[in-house]
N, C-alpha and C. Protein backbone atom coordinates (compact mmCIF):
# COMPACT_ATOMS: atom_id res chain seq x y z
N MET A 1 -2.87 121.24 -82.58
CA MET A 1 -2.13 120.35 -81.71
C MET A 1 -1.31 119.37 -82.54
N SER A 2 -0.11 119.18 -82.14
CA SER A 2 0.71 118.19 -82.83
C SER A 2 0.69 116.89 -82.03
N LYS A 3 0.54 115.81 -82.75
CA LYS A 3 0.50 114.50 -82.11
C LYS A 3 1.91 113.92 -82.10
N LYS A 4 2.39 113.58 -80.91
CA LYS A 4 3.73 113.03 -80.77
C LYS A 4 3.74 111.59 -81.25
N LYS A 5 4.70 111.27 -82.10
CA LYS A 5 4.85 109.90 -82.59
C LYS A 5 5.83 109.17 -81.69
N ILE A 6 5.52 107.95 -81.42
CA ILE A 6 6.40 107.12 -80.60
C ILE A 6 7.17 106.20 -81.53
N THR A 7 8.48 106.18 -81.36
CA THR A 7 9.31 105.23 -82.09
C THR A 7 9.96 104.30 -81.07
N LEU A 8 10.39 103.18 -81.56
CA LEU A 8 11.05 102.20 -80.70
C LEU A 8 12.52 102.13 -81.06
N ARG A 9 13.37 102.25 -80.07
CA ARG A 9 14.81 102.09 -80.26
C ARG A 9 15.13 100.64 -79.90
N ILE A 10 15.53 99.88 -80.91
CA ILE A 10 15.73 98.44 -80.75
C ILE A 10 17.22 98.14 -80.88
N THR A 11 17.76 97.45 -79.88
CA THR A 11 19.17 97.09 -79.87
C THR A 11 19.30 95.58 -79.75
N GLN A 12 20.14 94.99 -80.59
CA GLN A 12 20.40 93.55 -80.50
C GLN A 12 21.42 93.34 -79.40
N ILE A 13 21.05 92.56 -78.37
CA ILE A 13 21.96 92.34 -77.24
C ILE A 13 22.48 90.91 -77.16
N LYS A 14 21.94 90.02 -78.01
CA LYS A 14 22.36 88.63 -77.96
C LYS A 14 22.45 88.09 -79.39
N SER A 15 23.38 87.19 -79.60
CA SER A 15 23.58 86.61 -80.92
C SER A 15 22.50 85.56 -81.24
N PRO A 16 22.07 85.49 -82.50
CA PRO A 16 21.08 84.48 -82.87
C PRO A 16 21.70 83.12 -83.17
N ILE A 17 23.02 82.98 -83.00
CA ILE A 17 23.66 81.69 -83.25
C ILE A 17 23.05 80.65 -82.30
N GLY A 18 22.63 79.54 -82.87
CA GLY A 18 22.01 78.48 -82.08
C GLY A 18 20.50 78.56 -82.08
N TYR A 19 19.93 79.62 -82.64
CA TYR A 19 18.48 79.76 -82.75
C TYR A 19 18.04 79.42 -84.16
N ARG A 20 16.77 79.22 -84.35
CA ARG A 20 16.23 78.87 -85.65
C ARG A 20 16.44 79.99 -86.66
N GLN A 21 16.38 79.62 -87.93
CA GLN A 21 16.59 80.60 -89.00
C GLN A 21 15.54 81.71 -88.95
N ARG A 22 14.38 81.41 -88.42
CA ARG A 22 13.33 82.42 -88.30
C ARG A 22 13.78 83.61 -87.46
N ALA A 23 14.57 83.36 -86.41
CA ALA A 23 15.09 84.44 -85.58
C ALA A 23 16.05 85.31 -86.39
N TRP A 24 16.89 84.68 -87.21
CA TRP A 24 17.84 85.43 -88.05
C TRP A 24 17.06 86.33 -89.01
N LYS A 25 16.02 85.76 -89.63
CA LYS A 25 15.24 86.51 -90.62
C LYS A 25 14.48 87.67 -89.97
N THR A 26 14.01 87.47 -88.75
CA THR A 26 13.30 88.53 -88.04
C THR A 26 14.26 89.67 -87.70
N LEU A 27 15.46 89.35 -87.25
CA LEU A 27 16.47 90.39 -86.98
C LEU A 27 16.77 91.18 -88.25
N GLU A 28 16.90 90.47 -89.36
CA GLU A 28 17.17 91.11 -90.64
C GLU A 28 16.02 92.03 -91.05
N ALA A 29 14.78 91.58 -90.83
CA ALA A 29 13.61 92.38 -91.18
C ALA A 29 13.51 93.64 -90.32
N LEU A 30 13.99 93.57 -89.10
CA LEU A 30 14.00 94.75 -88.23
C LEU A 30 15.12 95.72 -88.59
N GLY A 31 16.09 95.26 -89.39
CA GLY A 31 17.19 96.12 -89.81
C GLY A 31 18.43 95.96 -88.96
N LEU A 32 18.45 94.95 -88.12
CA LEU A 32 19.62 94.73 -87.25
C LEU A 32 20.63 93.85 -87.97
N LYS A 33 21.90 94.25 -87.90
CA LYS A 33 22.93 93.56 -88.66
C LYS A 33 23.97 92.85 -87.78
N ARG A 34 24.16 93.30 -86.56
CA ARG A 34 25.22 92.74 -85.72
C ARG A 34 24.90 93.04 -84.25
N MET A 35 25.72 92.48 -83.37
CA MET A 35 25.55 92.71 -81.94
C MET A 35 25.71 94.19 -81.61
N HIS A 36 24.91 94.68 -80.70
CA HIS A 36 24.92 96.06 -80.21
C HIS A 36 24.57 97.08 -81.29
N HIS A 37 23.99 96.63 -82.39
CA HIS A 37 23.52 97.53 -83.43
C HIS A 37 22.14 98.02 -83.01
N THR A 38 21.88 99.32 -83.20
CA THR A 38 20.63 99.93 -82.79
C THR A 38 19.93 100.54 -83.99
N VAL A 39 18.62 100.31 -84.07
CA VAL A 39 17.79 100.93 -85.11
C VAL A 39 16.56 101.53 -84.45
N GLU A 40 15.95 102.49 -85.13
CA GLU A 40 14.69 103.05 -84.66
C GLU A 40 13.61 102.68 -85.65
N GLN A 41 12.52 102.13 -85.14
CA GLN A 41 11.40 101.70 -85.96
C GLN A 41 10.13 102.35 -85.40
N PRO A 42 9.12 102.58 -86.26
CA PRO A 42 7.86 103.12 -85.77
C PRO A 42 7.15 102.11 -84.87
N ASP A 43 6.38 102.62 -83.93
CA ASP A 43 5.63 101.75 -83.02
C ASP A 43 4.32 101.37 -83.69
N ASN A 44 4.25 100.15 -84.20
CA ASN A 44 3.02 99.65 -84.79
C ASN A 44 2.90 98.15 -84.50
N PRO A 45 1.72 97.57 -84.71
CA PRO A 45 1.52 96.16 -84.35
C PRO A 45 2.47 95.19 -85.07
N ALA A 46 2.84 95.46 -86.30
CA ALA A 46 3.74 94.57 -87.03
C ALA A 46 5.12 94.52 -86.37
N ILE A 47 5.66 95.68 -86.03
CA ILE A 47 6.96 95.74 -85.38
C ILE A 47 6.89 95.12 -83.99
N ARG A 48 5.83 95.40 -83.25
CA ARG A 48 5.66 94.81 -81.92
C ARG A 48 5.62 93.29 -81.99
N GLY A 49 4.97 92.74 -83.02
CA GLY A 49 4.91 91.29 -83.18
C GLY A 49 6.27 90.69 -83.45
N MET A 50 7.08 91.36 -84.28
CA MET A 50 8.43 90.87 -84.55
C MET A 50 9.27 90.90 -83.28
N ILE A 51 9.13 91.98 -82.52
CA ILE A 51 9.88 92.10 -81.26
C ILE A 51 9.47 90.99 -80.29
N LYS A 52 8.18 90.73 -80.21
CA LYS A 52 7.67 89.71 -79.28
C LYS A 52 8.24 88.33 -79.60
N SER A 53 8.42 88.04 -80.90
CA SER A 53 8.90 86.71 -81.28
C SER A 53 10.37 86.48 -80.95
N ILE A 54 11.15 87.55 -80.82
CA ILE A 54 12.59 87.38 -80.50
C ILE A 54 13.01 88.32 -79.36
N GLU A 55 12.11 88.55 -78.42
CA GLU A 55 12.41 89.50 -77.34
C GLU A 55 13.61 89.10 -76.49
N HIS A 56 13.97 87.82 -76.49
CA HIS A 56 15.13 87.35 -75.72
C HIS A 56 16.45 87.81 -76.35
N LEU A 57 16.43 88.31 -77.58
CA LEU A 57 17.64 88.77 -78.26
C LEU A 57 17.77 90.28 -78.27
N LEU A 58 16.75 90.99 -77.78
CA LEU A 58 16.67 92.44 -77.97
C LEU A 58 16.53 93.22 -76.69
N LYS A 59 16.87 94.51 -76.77
CA LYS A 59 16.55 95.49 -75.74
C LYS A 59 15.73 96.57 -76.47
N VAL A 60 14.57 96.91 -75.92
CA VAL A 60 13.67 97.86 -76.59
C VAL A 60 13.38 99.03 -75.67
N GLU A 61 13.48 100.24 -76.23
CA GLU A 61 13.16 101.46 -75.49
C GLU A 61 12.17 102.28 -76.33
N GLU A 62 11.23 102.94 -75.67
CA GLU A 62 10.31 103.83 -76.36
C GLU A 62 10.91 105.23 -76.40
N VAL A 63 10.85 105.86 -77.56
CA VAL A 63 11.38 107.20 -77.75
C VAL A 63 10.25 108.07 -78.26
N LYS A 64 9.97 109.15 -77.54
CA LYS A 64 8.92 110.07 -78.00
C LYS A 64 9.56 111.17 -78.83
N GLY A 65 8.93 111.50 -79.91
CA GLY A 65 9.54 112.53 -80.69
C GLY A 65 8.80 112.74 -81.91
């Protein structure tokens, strides 16, 4: 049996201008560089924690594959 891995498709939908530098650094750590930029990251607790801290700036979708 093959185990399906879940990845998260993360899109930046709002600018971090006006937010603390921590939000900028978290976006950078996720690999997001600009508005409407999308990256895929593995679904793990570290990534989920980063998403939770700046969820107001992001759109997140689960991708099975």
